[in-house]
PDB file of N, CA and C in Angstrom:
ATOM      1  N   MET A   1     -31.538  -3.048  31.328  1.00  0.00           N
ATOM      2  CA  MET A   1     -31.592  -4.430  31.755  1.00  0.00           C
ATOM      3  C   MET A   1     -30.193  -4.836  32.202  1.00  0.00           C
ATOM      4  N   GLU A   2     -30.091  -5.547  33.274  1.00  0.00           N
ATOM      5  CA  GLU A   2     -28.798  -5.953  33.776  1.00  0.00           C
ATOM      6  C   GLU A   2     -28.108  -6.860  32.768  1.00  0.00           C
ATOM      7  N   GLN A   3     -26.773  -6.821  32.760  1.00  0.00           N
ATOM      8  CA  GLN A   3     -25.995  -7.614  31.818  1.00  0.00           C
ATOM      9  C   GLN A   3     -26.263  -9.104  31.992  1.00  0.00           C
ATOM     10  N   ASN A   4     -26.382  -9.590  33.233  1.00  0.00           N
ATOM     11  CA  ASN A   4     -26.635 -11.013  33.471  1.00  0.00           C
ATOM     12  C   ASN A   4     -27.968 -11.445  32.876  1.00  0.00           C
ATOM     13  N   ARG A   5     -28.994 -10.643  33.044  1.00  0.00           N
ATOM     14  CA  ARG A   5     -30.296 -10.981  32.481  1.00  0.00           C
ATOM     15  C   ARG A   5     -30.237 -11.013  30.967  1.00  0.00           C
ATOM     16  N   PHE A   6     -29.511 -10.077  30.408  1.00  0.00           N
ATOM     17  CA  PHE A   6     -29.344 -10.011  28.962  1.00  0.00           C
ATOM     18  C   PHE A   6     -28.653 -11.271  28.460  1.00  0.00           C
ATOM     19  N   GLU A   7     -27.584 -11.668  29.129  1.00  0.00           N
ATOM     20  CA  GLU A   7     -26.851 -12.871  28.743  1.00  0.00           C
ATOM     21  C   GLU A   7     -27.717 -14.114  28.905  1.00  0.00           C
ATOM     22  N   ASP A   8     -28.491 -14.193  29.984  1.00  0.00           N
ATOM     23  CA  ASP A   8     -29.380 -15.334  30.197  1.00  0.00           C
ATOM     24  C   ASP A   8     -30.416 -15.437  29.081  1.00  0.00           C
ATOM     25  N   LEU A   9     -30.973 -14.306  28.696  1.00  0.00           N
ATOM     26  CA  LEU A   9     -31.970 -14.299  27.627  1.00  0.00           C
ATOM     27  C   LEU A   9     -31.349 -14.753  26.310  1.00  0.00           C
ATOM     28  N   ALA A  10     -30.155 -14.277  26.001  1.00  0.00           N
ATOM     29  CA  ALA A  10     -29.474 -14.686  24.770  1.00  0.00           C
ATOM     30  C   ALA A  10     -29.166 -16.183  24.810  1.00  0.00           C
ATOM     31  N   ARG A  11     -28.747 -16.679  25.955  1.00  0.00           N
ATOM     32  CA  ARG A  11     -28.440 -18.100  26.097  1.00  0.00           C
ATOM     33  C   ARG A  11     -29.696 -18.947  25.916  1.00  0.00           C
ATOM     34  N   LYS A  12     -30.804 -18.518  26.520  1.00  0.00           N
ATOM     35  CA  LYS A  12     -32.065 -19.257  26.384  1.00  0.00           C
ATOM     36  C   LYS A  12     -32.530 -19.287  24.935  1.00  0.00           C
ATOM     37  N   LEU A  13     -32.373 -18.169  24.231  1.00  0.00           N
ATOM     38  CA  LEU A  13     -32.720 -18.156  22.815  1.00  0.00           C
ATOM     39  C   LEU A  13     -31.861 -19.142  22.042  1.00  0.00           C
ATOM     40  N   PHE A  14     -30.580 -19.149  22.345  1.00  0.00           N
ATOM     41  CA  PHE A  14     -29.674 -20.054  21.653  1.00  0.00           C
ATOM     42  C   PHE A  14     -30.031 -21.503  21.953  1.00  0.00           C
ATOM     43  N   GLU A  15     -30.348 -21.805  23.191  1.00  0.00           N
ATOM     44  CA  GLU A  15     -30.677 -23.182  23.572  1.00  0.00           C
ATOM     45  C   GLU A  15     -31.986 -23.652  22.944  1.00  0.00           C
ATOM     46  N   SER A  16     -32.835 -22.715  22.539  1.00  0.00           N
ATOM     47  CA  SER A  16     -34.124 -23.102  21.964  1.00  0.00           C
ATOM     48  C   SER A  16     -34.035 -23.474  20.485  1.00  0.00           C
ATOM     49  N   ILE A  17     -32.897 -23.237  19.851  1.00  0.00           N
ATOM     50  CA  ILE A  17     -32.778 -23.583  18.431  1.00  0.00           C
ATOM     51  C   ILE A  17     -32.457 -25.068  18.286  1.00  0.00           C
ATOM     52  N   PRO A  18     -32.826 -25.676  17.163  1.00  0.00           N
ATOM     53  CA  PRO A  18     -32.562 -27.103  16.948  1.00  0.00           C
ATOM     54  C   PRO A  18     -31.051 -27.396  16.938  1.00  0.00           C
ATOM     55  N   PRO A  19     -30.664 -28.581  17.405  1.00  0.00           N
ATOM     56  CA  PRO A  19     -29.238 -28.938  17.453  1.00  0.00           C
ATOM     57  C   PRO A  19     -28.550 -28.879  16.097  1.00  0.00           C
ATOM     58  N   SER A  20     -29.277 -29.130  15.041  1.00  0.00           N
ATOM     59  CA  SER A  20     -28.651 -29.103  13.717  1.00  0.00           C
ATOM     60  C   SER A  20     -28.169 -27.701  13.330  1.00  0.00           C
ATOM     61  N   LEU A  21     -28.768 -26.685  13.910  1.00  0.00           N
ATOM     62  CA  LEU A  21     -28.362 -25.314  13.601  1.00  0.00           C
ATOM     63  C   LEU A  21     -27.310 -24.775  14.561  1.00  0.00           C
ATOM     64  N   ARG A  22     -27.002 -25.525  15.587  1.00  0.00           N
ATOM     65  CA  ARG A  22     -26.047 -25.050  16.580  1.00  0.00           C
ATOM     66  C   ARG A  22     -24.620 -25.003  16.065  1.00  0.00           C
ATOM     67  N   ALA A  23     -24.381 -25.563  14.923  1.00  0.00           N
ATOM     68  CA  ALA A  23     -23.037 -25.517  14.342  1.00  0.00           C
ATOM     69  C   ALA A  23     -22.626 -24.069  14.088  1.00  0.00           C
ATOM     70  N   ALA A  24     -23.590 -23.250  13.833  1.00  0.00           N
ATOM     71  CA  ALA A  24     -23.315 -21.834  13.580  1.00  0.00           C
ATOM     72  C   ALA A  24     -23.451 -21.037  14.876  1.00  0.00           C
ATOM     73  N   GLN A  25     -23.002 -21.608  15.966  1.00  0.00           N
ATOM     74  CA  GLN A  25     -23.191 -21.038  17.304  1.00  0.00           C
ATOM     75  C   GLN A  25     -22.701 -19.602  17.429  1.00  0.00           C
ATOM     76  N   LYS A  26     -21.486 -19.347  17.072  1.00  0.00           N
ATOM     77  CA  LYS A  26     -20.917 -18.002  17.240  1.00  0.00           C
ATOM     78  C   LYS A  26     -21.729 -16.968  16.460  1.00  0.00           C
ATOM     79  N   ASP A  27     -22.064 -17.330  15.238  1.00  0.00           N
ATOM     80  CA  ASP A  27     -22.834 -16.425  14.400  1.00  0.00           C
ATOM     81  C   ASP A  27     -24.211 -16.159  14.999  1.00  0.00           C
ATOM     82  N   LEU A  28     -24.876 -17.212  15.445  1.00  0.00           N
ATOM     83  CA  LEU A  28     -26.212 -17.064  16.018  1.00  0.00           C
ATOM     84  C   LEU A  28     -26.183 -16.266  17.318  1.00  0.00           C
ATOM     85  N   GLU A  29     -25.215 -16.555  18.158  1.00  0.00           N
ATOM     86  CA  GLU A  29     -25.115 -15.813  19.420  1.00  0.00           C
ATOM     87  C   GLU A  29     -24.924 -14.327  19.162  1.00  0.00           C
ATOM     88  N   ALA A  30     -24.061 -14.006  18.227  1.00  0.00           N
ATOM     89  CA  ALA A  30     -23.821 -12.596  17.903  1.00  0.00           C
ATOM     90  C   ALA A  30     -25.099 -11.954  17.369  1.00  0.00           C
ATOM     91  N   ASN A  31     -25.813 -12.687  16.518  1.00  0.00           N
ATOM     92  CA  ASN A  31     -27.061 -12.157  15.962  1.00  0.00           C
ATOM     93  C   ASN A  31     -28.122 -11.988  17.047  1.00  0.00           C
ATOM     94  N   PHE A  32     -28.241 -12.963  17.935  1.00  0.00           N
ATOM     95  CA  PHE A  32     -29.205 -12.857  19.035  1.00  0.00           C
ATOM     96  C   PHE A  32     -28.903 -11.619  19.878  1.00  0.00           C
ATOM     97  N   ARG A  33     -27.652 -11.455  20.230  1.00  0.00           N
ATOM     98  CA  ARG A  33     -27.275 -10.305  21.065  1.00  0.00           C
ATOM     99  C   ARG A  33     -27.565  -8.989  20.348  1.00  0.00           C
ATOM    100  N   SER A  34     -27.251  -8.948  19.073  1.00  0.00           N
ATOM    101  CA  SER A  34     -27.481  -7.736  18.301  1.00  0.00           C
ATOM    102  C   SER A  34     -28.966  -7.406  18.225  1.00  0.00           C
ATOM    103  N   VAL A  35     -29.784  -8.411  17.938  1.00  0.00           N
ATOM    104  CA  VAL A  35     -31.228  -8.199  17.847  1.00  0.00           C
ATOM    105  C   VAL A  35     -31.781  -7.772  19.204  1.00  0.00           C
ATOM    106  N   LEU A  36     -31.330  -8.417  20.275  1.00  0.00           N
ATOM    107  CA  LEU A  36     -31.800  -8.052  21.616  1.00  0.00           C
ATOM    108  C   LEU A  36     -31.409  -6.631  21.973  1.00  0.00           C
ATOM    109  N   ARG A  37     -30.163  -6.267  21.725  1.00  0.00           N
ATOM    110  CA  ARG A  37     -29.708  -4.904  22.046  1.00  0.00           C
ATOM    111  C   ARG A  37     -30.513  -3.866  21.280  1.00  0.00           C
ATOM    112  N   THR A  38     -30.709  -4.122  20.000  1.00  0.00           N
ATOM    113  CA  THR A  38     -31.457  -3.181  19.165  1.00  0.00           C
ATOM    114  C   THR A  38     -32.897  -3.057  19.653  1.00  0.00           C
ATOM    115  N   GLY A  39     -33.534  -4.195  19.889  1.00  0.00           N
ATOM    116  CA  GLY A  39     -34.926  -4.173  20.340  1.00  0.00           C
ATOM    117  C   GLY A  39     -35.100  -3.525  21.690  1.00  0.00           C
ATOM    118  N   LEU A  40     -34.222  -3.864  22.616  1.00  0.00           N
ATOM    119  CA  LEU A  40     -34.337  -3.305  23.965  1.00  0.00           C
ATOM    120  C   LEU A  40     -33.956  -1.830  24.016  1.00  0.00           C
ATOM    121  N   SER A  41     -33.061  -1.408  23.145  1.00  0.00           N
ATOM    122  CA  SER A  41     -32.668   0.005  23.151  1.00  0.00           C
ATOM    123  C   SER A  41     -33.796   0.902  22.663  1.00  0.00           C
ATOM    124  N   ARG A  42     -34.726   0.335  21.901  1.00  0.00           N
ATOM    125  CA  ARG A  42     -35.863   1.122  21.411  1.00  0.00           C
ATOM    126  C   ARG A  42     -36.915   1.351  22.491  1.00  0.00           C
ATOM    127  N   LEU A  43     -36.886   0.532  23.520  1.00  0.00           N
ATOM    128  CA  LEU A  43     -37.859   0.676  24.599  1.00  0.00           C
ATOM    129  C   LEU A  43     -37.453   1.823  25.511  1.00  0.00           C
ATOM    130  N   ASP A  44     -38.425   2.510  26.006  1.00  0.00           N
ATOM    131  CA  ASP A  44     -38.174   3.625  26.915  1.00  0.00           C
ATOM    132  C   ASP A  44     -38.178   3.069  28.337  1.00  0.00           C
ATOM    133  N   MET A  45     -37.047   2.512  28.735  1.00  0.00           N
ATOM    134  CA  MET A  45     -36.952   1.836  30.023  1.00  0.00           C
ATOM    135  C   MET A  45     -36.003   2.581  30.949  1.00  0.00           C
ATOM    136  N   VAL A  46     -36.233   2.408  32.228  1.00  0.00           N
ATOM    137  CA  VAL A  46     -35.334   2.958  33.238  1.00  0.00           C
ATOM    138  C   VAL A  46     -34.864   1.810  34.116  1.00  0.00           C
ATOM    139  N   THR A  47     -33.767   2.032  34.800  1.00  0.00           N
ATOM    140  CA  THR A  47     -33.274   1.007  35.703  1.00  0.00           C
ATOM    141  C   THR A  47     -34.158   0.956  36.942  1.00  0.00           C
ATOM    142  N   ARG A  48     -34.070  -0.116  37.673  1.00  0.00           N
ATOM    143  CA  ARG A  48     -34.848  -0.280  38.903  1.00  0.00           C
ATOM    144  C   ARG A  48     -34.463   0.809  39.897  1.00  0.00           C
ATOM    145  N   ASP A  49     -33.178   1.148  39.960  1.00  0.00           N
ATOM    146  CA  ASP A  49     -32.727   2.202  40.873  1.00  0.00           C
ATOM    147  C   ASP A  49     -33.360   3.543  40.532  1.00  0.00           C
ATOM    148  N   GLU A  50     -33.403   3.866  39.234  1.00  0.00           N
ATOM    149  CA  GLU A  50     -34.030   5.123  38.820  1.00  0.00           C
ATOM    150  C   GLU A  50     -35.519   5.136  39.163  1.00  0.00           C
ATOM    151  N   PHE A  51     -36.191   4.018  38.917  1.00  0.00           N
ATOM    152  CA  PHE A  51     -37.612   3.909  39.221  1.00  0.00           C
ATOM    153  C   PHE A  51     -37.853   4.089  40.712  1.00  0.00           C
ATOM    154  N   ASP A  52     -37.062   3.398  41.534  1.00  0.00           N
ATOM    155  CA  ASP A  52     -37.213   3.506  42.986  1.00  0.00           C
ATOM    156  C   ASP A  52     -36.946   4.925  43.470  1.00  0.00           C
ATOM    157  N   ALA A  53     -35.942   5.574  42.892  1.00  0.00           N
ATOM    158  CA  ALA A  53     -35.630   6.951  43.286  1.00  0.00           C
ATOM    159  C   ALA A  53     -36.797   7.881  42.951  1.00  0.00           C
ATOM    160  N   GLN A  54     -37.366   7.732  41.758  1.00  0.00           N
ATOM    161  CA  GLN A  54     -38.492   8.576  41.371  1.00  0.00           C
ATOM    162  C   GLN A  54     -39.730   8.281  42.219  1.00  0.00           C
ATOM    163  N   SER A  55     -39.904   7.029  42.612  1.00  0.00           N
ATOM    164  CA  SER A  55     -41.026   6.684  43.492  1.00  0.00           C
ATOM    165  C   SER A  55     -40.890   7.380  44.843  1.00  0.00           C
ATOM    166  N   ARG A  56     -39.653   7.425  45.350  1.00  0.00           N
ATOM    167  CA  ARG A  56     -39.416   8.126  46.629  1.00  0.00           C
ATOM    168  C   ARG A  56     -39.668   9.627  46.482  1.00  0.00           C
ATOM    169  N   VAL A  57     -39.241  10.201  45.371  1.00  0.00           N
ATOM    170  CA  VAL A  57     -39.478  11.631  45.119  1.00  0.00           C
ATOM    171  C   VAL A  57     -40.977  11.902  45.059  1.00  0.00           C
ATOM    172  N   LEU A  58     -41.712  11.057  44.375  1.00  0.00           N
ATOM    173  CA  LEU A  58     -43.164  11.225  44.267  1.00  0.00           C
ATOM    174  C   LEU A  58     -43.837  11.117  45.630  1.00  0.00           C
ATOM    175  N   ALA A  59     -43.437  10.136  46.419  1.00  0.00           N
ATOM    176  CA  ALA A  59     -44.027   9.967  47.752  1.00  0.00           C
ATOM    177  C   ALA A  59     -43.747  11.200  48.613  1.00  0.00           C
ATOM    178  N   ARG A  60     -42.523  11.693  48.559  1.00  0.00           N
ATOM    179  CA  ARG A  60     -42.162  12.888  49.340  1.00  0.00           C
ATOM    180  C   ARG A  60     -42.956  14.110  48.858  1.00  0.00           C
ATOM    181  N   SER A  61     -43.122  14.233  47.551  1.00  0.00           N
ATOM    182  CA  SER A  61     -43.894  15.355  47.001  1.00  0.00           C
ATOM    183  C   SER A  61     -45.339  15.309  47.471  1.00  0.00           C
ATOM    184  N   ARG A  62     -45.905  14.118  47.491  1.00  0.00           N
ATOM    185  CA  ARG A  62     -47.287  13.977  47.962  1.00  0.00           C
ATOM    186  C   ARG A  62     -47.399  14.357  49.433  1.00  0.00           C
ATOM    187  N   GLU A  63     -46.420  13.956  50.230  1.00  0.00           N
ATOM    188  CA  GLU A  63     -46.422  14.324  51.655  1.00  0.00           C
ATOM    189  C   GLU A  63     -46.376  15.836  51.812  1.00  0.00           C
ATOM    190  N   LEU A  64     -45.504  16.474  51.034  1.00  0.00           N
ATOM    191  CA  LEU A  64     -45.383  17.930  51.120  1.00  0.00           C
ATOM    192  C   LEU A  64     -46.683  18.619  50.692  1.00  0.00           C
ATOM    193  N   ILE A  65     -47.306  18.124  49.650  1.00  0.00           N
ATOM    194  CA  ILE A  65     -48.565  18.711  49.187  1.00  0.00           C
ATOM    195  C   ILE A  65     -49.634  18.586  50.269  1.00  0.00           C
ATOM    196  N   GLU A  66     -49.728  17.417  50.880  1.00  0.00           N
ATOM    197  CA  GLU A  66     -50.711  17.229  51.947  1.00  0.00           C
ATOM    198  C   GLU A  66     -50.439  18.162  53.122  1.00  0.00           C
ATOM    199  N   THR A  67     -49.171  18.322  53.475  1.00  0.00           N
ATOM    200  CA  THR A  67     -48.807  19.225  54.563  1.00  0.00           C
ATOM    201  C   THR A  67     -49.182  20.662  54.211  1.00  0.00           C
ATOM    202  N   LEU A  68     -48.881  21.066  52.985  1.00  0.00           N
ATOM    203  CA  LEU A  68     -49.211  22.426  52.557  1.00  0.00           C
ATOM    204  C   LEU A  68     -50.719  22.648  52.492  1.00  0.00           C
ATOM    205  N   GLU A  69     -51.466  21.629  52.039  1.00  0.00           N
ATOM    206  CA  GLU A  69     -52.928  21.758  52.008  1.00  0.00           C
ATOM    207  C   GLU A  69     -53.482  21.960  53.419  1.00  0.00           C
ATOM    208  N   ARG A  70     -52.946  21.210  54.376  1.00  0.00           N
ATOM    209  CA  ARG A  70     -53.400  21.375  55.767  1.00  0.00           C
ATOM    210  C   ARG A  70     -53.040  22.765  56.289  1.00  0.00           C
ATOM    211  N   ARG A  71     -51.862  23.240  55.964  1.00  0.00           N
ATOM    212  CA  ARG A  71     -51.416  24.561  56.421  1.00  0.00           C
ATOM    213  C   ARG A  71     -52.278  25.667  55.814  1.00  0.00           C
ATOM    214  N   VAL A  72     -52.583  25.554  54.535  1.00  0.00           N
ATOM    215  CA  VAL A  72     -53.442  26.549  53.876  1.00  0.00           C
ATOM    216  C   VAL A  72     -54.824  26.544  54.524  1.00  0.00           C
ATOM    217  N   ALA A  73     -55.347  25.371  54.811  1.00  0.00           N
ATOM    218  CA  ALA A  73     -56.662  25.277  55.461  1.00  0.00           C
ATOM    219  C   ALA A  73     -56.624  25.953  56.831  1.00  0.00           C
ATOM    220  N   GLN A  74     -55.545  25.758  57.574  1.00  0.00           N
ATOM    221  CA  GLN A  74     -55.413  26.412  58.891  1.00  0.00           C
ATOM    222  C   GLN A  74     -55.373  27.926  58.741  1.00  0.00           C
ATOM    223  N   LEU A  75     -54.593  28.399  57.797  1.00  0.00           N
ATOM    224  CA  LEU A  75     -54.484  29.844  57.589  1.00  0.00           C
ATOM    225  C   LEU A  75     -55.816  30.441  57.137  1.00  0.00           C
ATOM    226  N   GLU A  76     -56.510  29.742  56.261  1.00  0.00           N
ATOM    227  CA  GLU A  76     -57.824  30.222  55.817  1.00  0.00           C
ATOM    228  C   GLU A  76     -58.803  30.258  56.985  1.00  0.00           C
ATOM    229  N   ALA A  77     -58.731  29.271  57.850  1.00  0.00           N
ATOM    230  CA  ALA A  77     -59.618  29.232  59.018  1.00  0.00           C
ATOM    231  C   ALA A  77     -59.311  30.394  59.962  1.00  0.00           C
ATOM    232  N   GLN A  78     -58.041  30.741  60.085  1.00  0.00           N
ATOM    233  CA  GLN A  78     -57.664  31.870  60.938  1.00  0.00           C
ATOM    234  C   GLN A  78     -58.120  33.193  60.337  1.00  0.00           C
ATOM    235  N   LEU A  79     -58.073  33.305  59.024  1.00  0.00           N
ATOM    236  CA  LEU A  79     -58.451  34.549  58.356  1.00  0.00           C
ATOM    237  C   LEU A  79     -59.960  34.732  58.271  1.00  0.00           C
ATOM    238  N   ALA A  80     -60.705  33.669  58.219  1.00  0.00           N
ATOM    239  CA  ALA A  80     -62.153  33.756  58.046  1.00  0.00           C
ATOM    240  C   ALA A  80     -62.813  34.589  59.136  1.00  0.00           C
ATOM    241  N   PRO A  81     -62.544  34.376  60.420  1.00  0.00           N
ATOM    242  CA  PRO A  81     -63.189  35.207  61.445  1.00  0.00           C
ATOM    243  C   PRO A  81     -62.771  36.677  61.370  1.00  0.00           C
ATOM    244  N   GLN A  82     -61.556  36.941  60.945  1.00  0.00           N
ATOM    245  CA  GLN A  82     -61.063  38.313  60.859  1.00  0.00           C
ATOM    246  C   GLN A  82     -61.755  39.093  59.747  1.00  0.00           C
ATOM    247  N   SER A  83     -61.992  38.432  58.618  1.00  0.00           N
ATOM    248  CA  SER A  83     -62.560  39.150  57.484  1.00  0.00           C
ATOM    249  C   SER A  83     -64.077  39.035  57.425  1.00  0.00           C
ATOM    250  N   GLY A  84     -64.629  38.120  58.190  1.00  0.00           N
ATOM    251  CA  GLY A  84     -66.073  37.935  58.184  1.00  0.00           C
ATOM    252  C   GLY A  84     -66.548  37.116  57.005  1.00  0.00           C
ATOM    253  N   ASP A  85     -65.643  36.726  56.160  1.00  0.00           N
ATOM    254  CA  ASP A  85     -65.992  35.895  55.004  1.00  0.00           C
ATOM    255  C   ASP A  85     -66.003  34.433  55.413  1.00  0.00           C
ATOM    256  N   ALA A  86     -66.768  33.692  54.712  1.00  0.00           N
ATOM    257  CA  ALA A  86     -66.780  32.244  54.929  1.00  0.00           C
ATOM    258  C   ALA A  86     -65.858  31.615  53.898  1.00  0.00           C
ATOM    259  N   ALA A  87     -64.579  31.712  54.147  1.00  0.00           N
ATOM    260  CA  ALA A  87     -63.597  31.166  53.207  1.00  0.00           C
ATOM    261  C   ALA A  87     -63.608  29.645  53.285  1.00  0.00           C
ATOM    262  N   PRO A  88     -63.450  28.993  52.159  1.00  0.00           N
ATOM    263  CA  PRO A  88     -63.411  27.536  52.180  1.00  0.00           C
ATOM    264  C   PRO A  88     -62.205  27.049  52.971  1.00  0.00           C
ATOM    265  N   THR A  89     -62.376  25.944  53.661  1.00  0.00           N
ATOM    266  CA  THR A  89     -61.280  25.419  54.493  1.00  0.00           C
ATOM    267  C   THR A  89     -60.428  24.429  53.749  1.00  0.00           C
ATOM    268  N   THR A  90     -60.869  23.984  52.589  1.00  0.00           N
ATOM    269  CA  THR A  90     -60.032  23.080  51.788  1.00  0.00           C
ATOM    270  C   THR A  90     -60.065  23.533  50.365  1.00  0.00           C
ATOM    271  N   GLY A  91     -58.954  23.360  49.704  1.00  0.00           N
ATOM    272  CA  GLY A  91     -58.868  23.701  48.294  1.00  0.00           C
ATOM    273  C   GLY A  91     -59.186  22.494  47.454  1.00  0.00           C
ATOM    274  N   PRO A  92     -59.046  22.649  46.171  1.00  0.00           N
ATOM    275  CA  PRO A  92     -59.305  21.507  45.295  1.00  0.00           C
ATOM    276  C   PRO A  92     -58.286  20.412  45.560  1.00  0.00           C
ATOM    277  N   SER A  93     -58.747  19.187  45.575  1.00  0.00           N
ATOM    278  CA  SER A  93     -57.811  18.100  45.837  1.00  0.00           C
ATOM    279  C   SER A  93     -57.167  17.674  44.529  1.00  0.00           C
ATOM    280  N   LEU A  94     -55.931  17.248  44.628  1.00  0.00           N
ATOM    281  CA  LEU A  94     -55.190  16.799  43.469  1.00  0.00           C
ATOM    282  C   LEU A  94     -55.422  15.321  43.272  1.00  0.00           C
ATOM    283  N   PRO A  95     -55.375  14.842  42.034  1.00  0.00           N
ATOM    284  CA  PRO A  95     -55.565  13.408  41.791  1.00  0.00           C
ATOM    285  C   PRO A  95     -54.449  12.604  42.439  1.00  0.00           C
ATOM    286  N   GLN A  96     -54.793  11.466  42.992  1.00  0.00           N
ATOM    287  CA  GLN A  96     -53.825  10.576  43.624  1.00  0.00           C
ATOM    288  C   GLN A  96     -53.598   9.393  42.703  1.00  0.00           C
ATOM    289  N   ASP A  97     -52.600   9.481  41.859  1.00  0.00           N
ATOM    290  CA  ASP A  97     -52.307   8.375  40.915  1.00  0.00           C
ATOM    291  C   ASP A  97     -51.567   7.270  41.603  1.00  0.00           C
TER     292      ASP A  97
END
């Protein structure tokens, strides 16, 4: 999580407490930050950049698989008349998540 978002969340938590408890501001802010860091560190999260990079890798992989499937189908079609076998022109399709 970006530092600014983290700070905004801590500030919003602090602002939500009653004014009578704000006297302990420094203590509460430190506790809020500590609790947030601990809680968020337990989550299995990635940055937006990492997510976007993996999405691009996945899209490229799917393109390559489709290209290879078409190429295999072409090669099988070329081999079928030579061998006299009726080879399938498409292989099993992969799930598209």
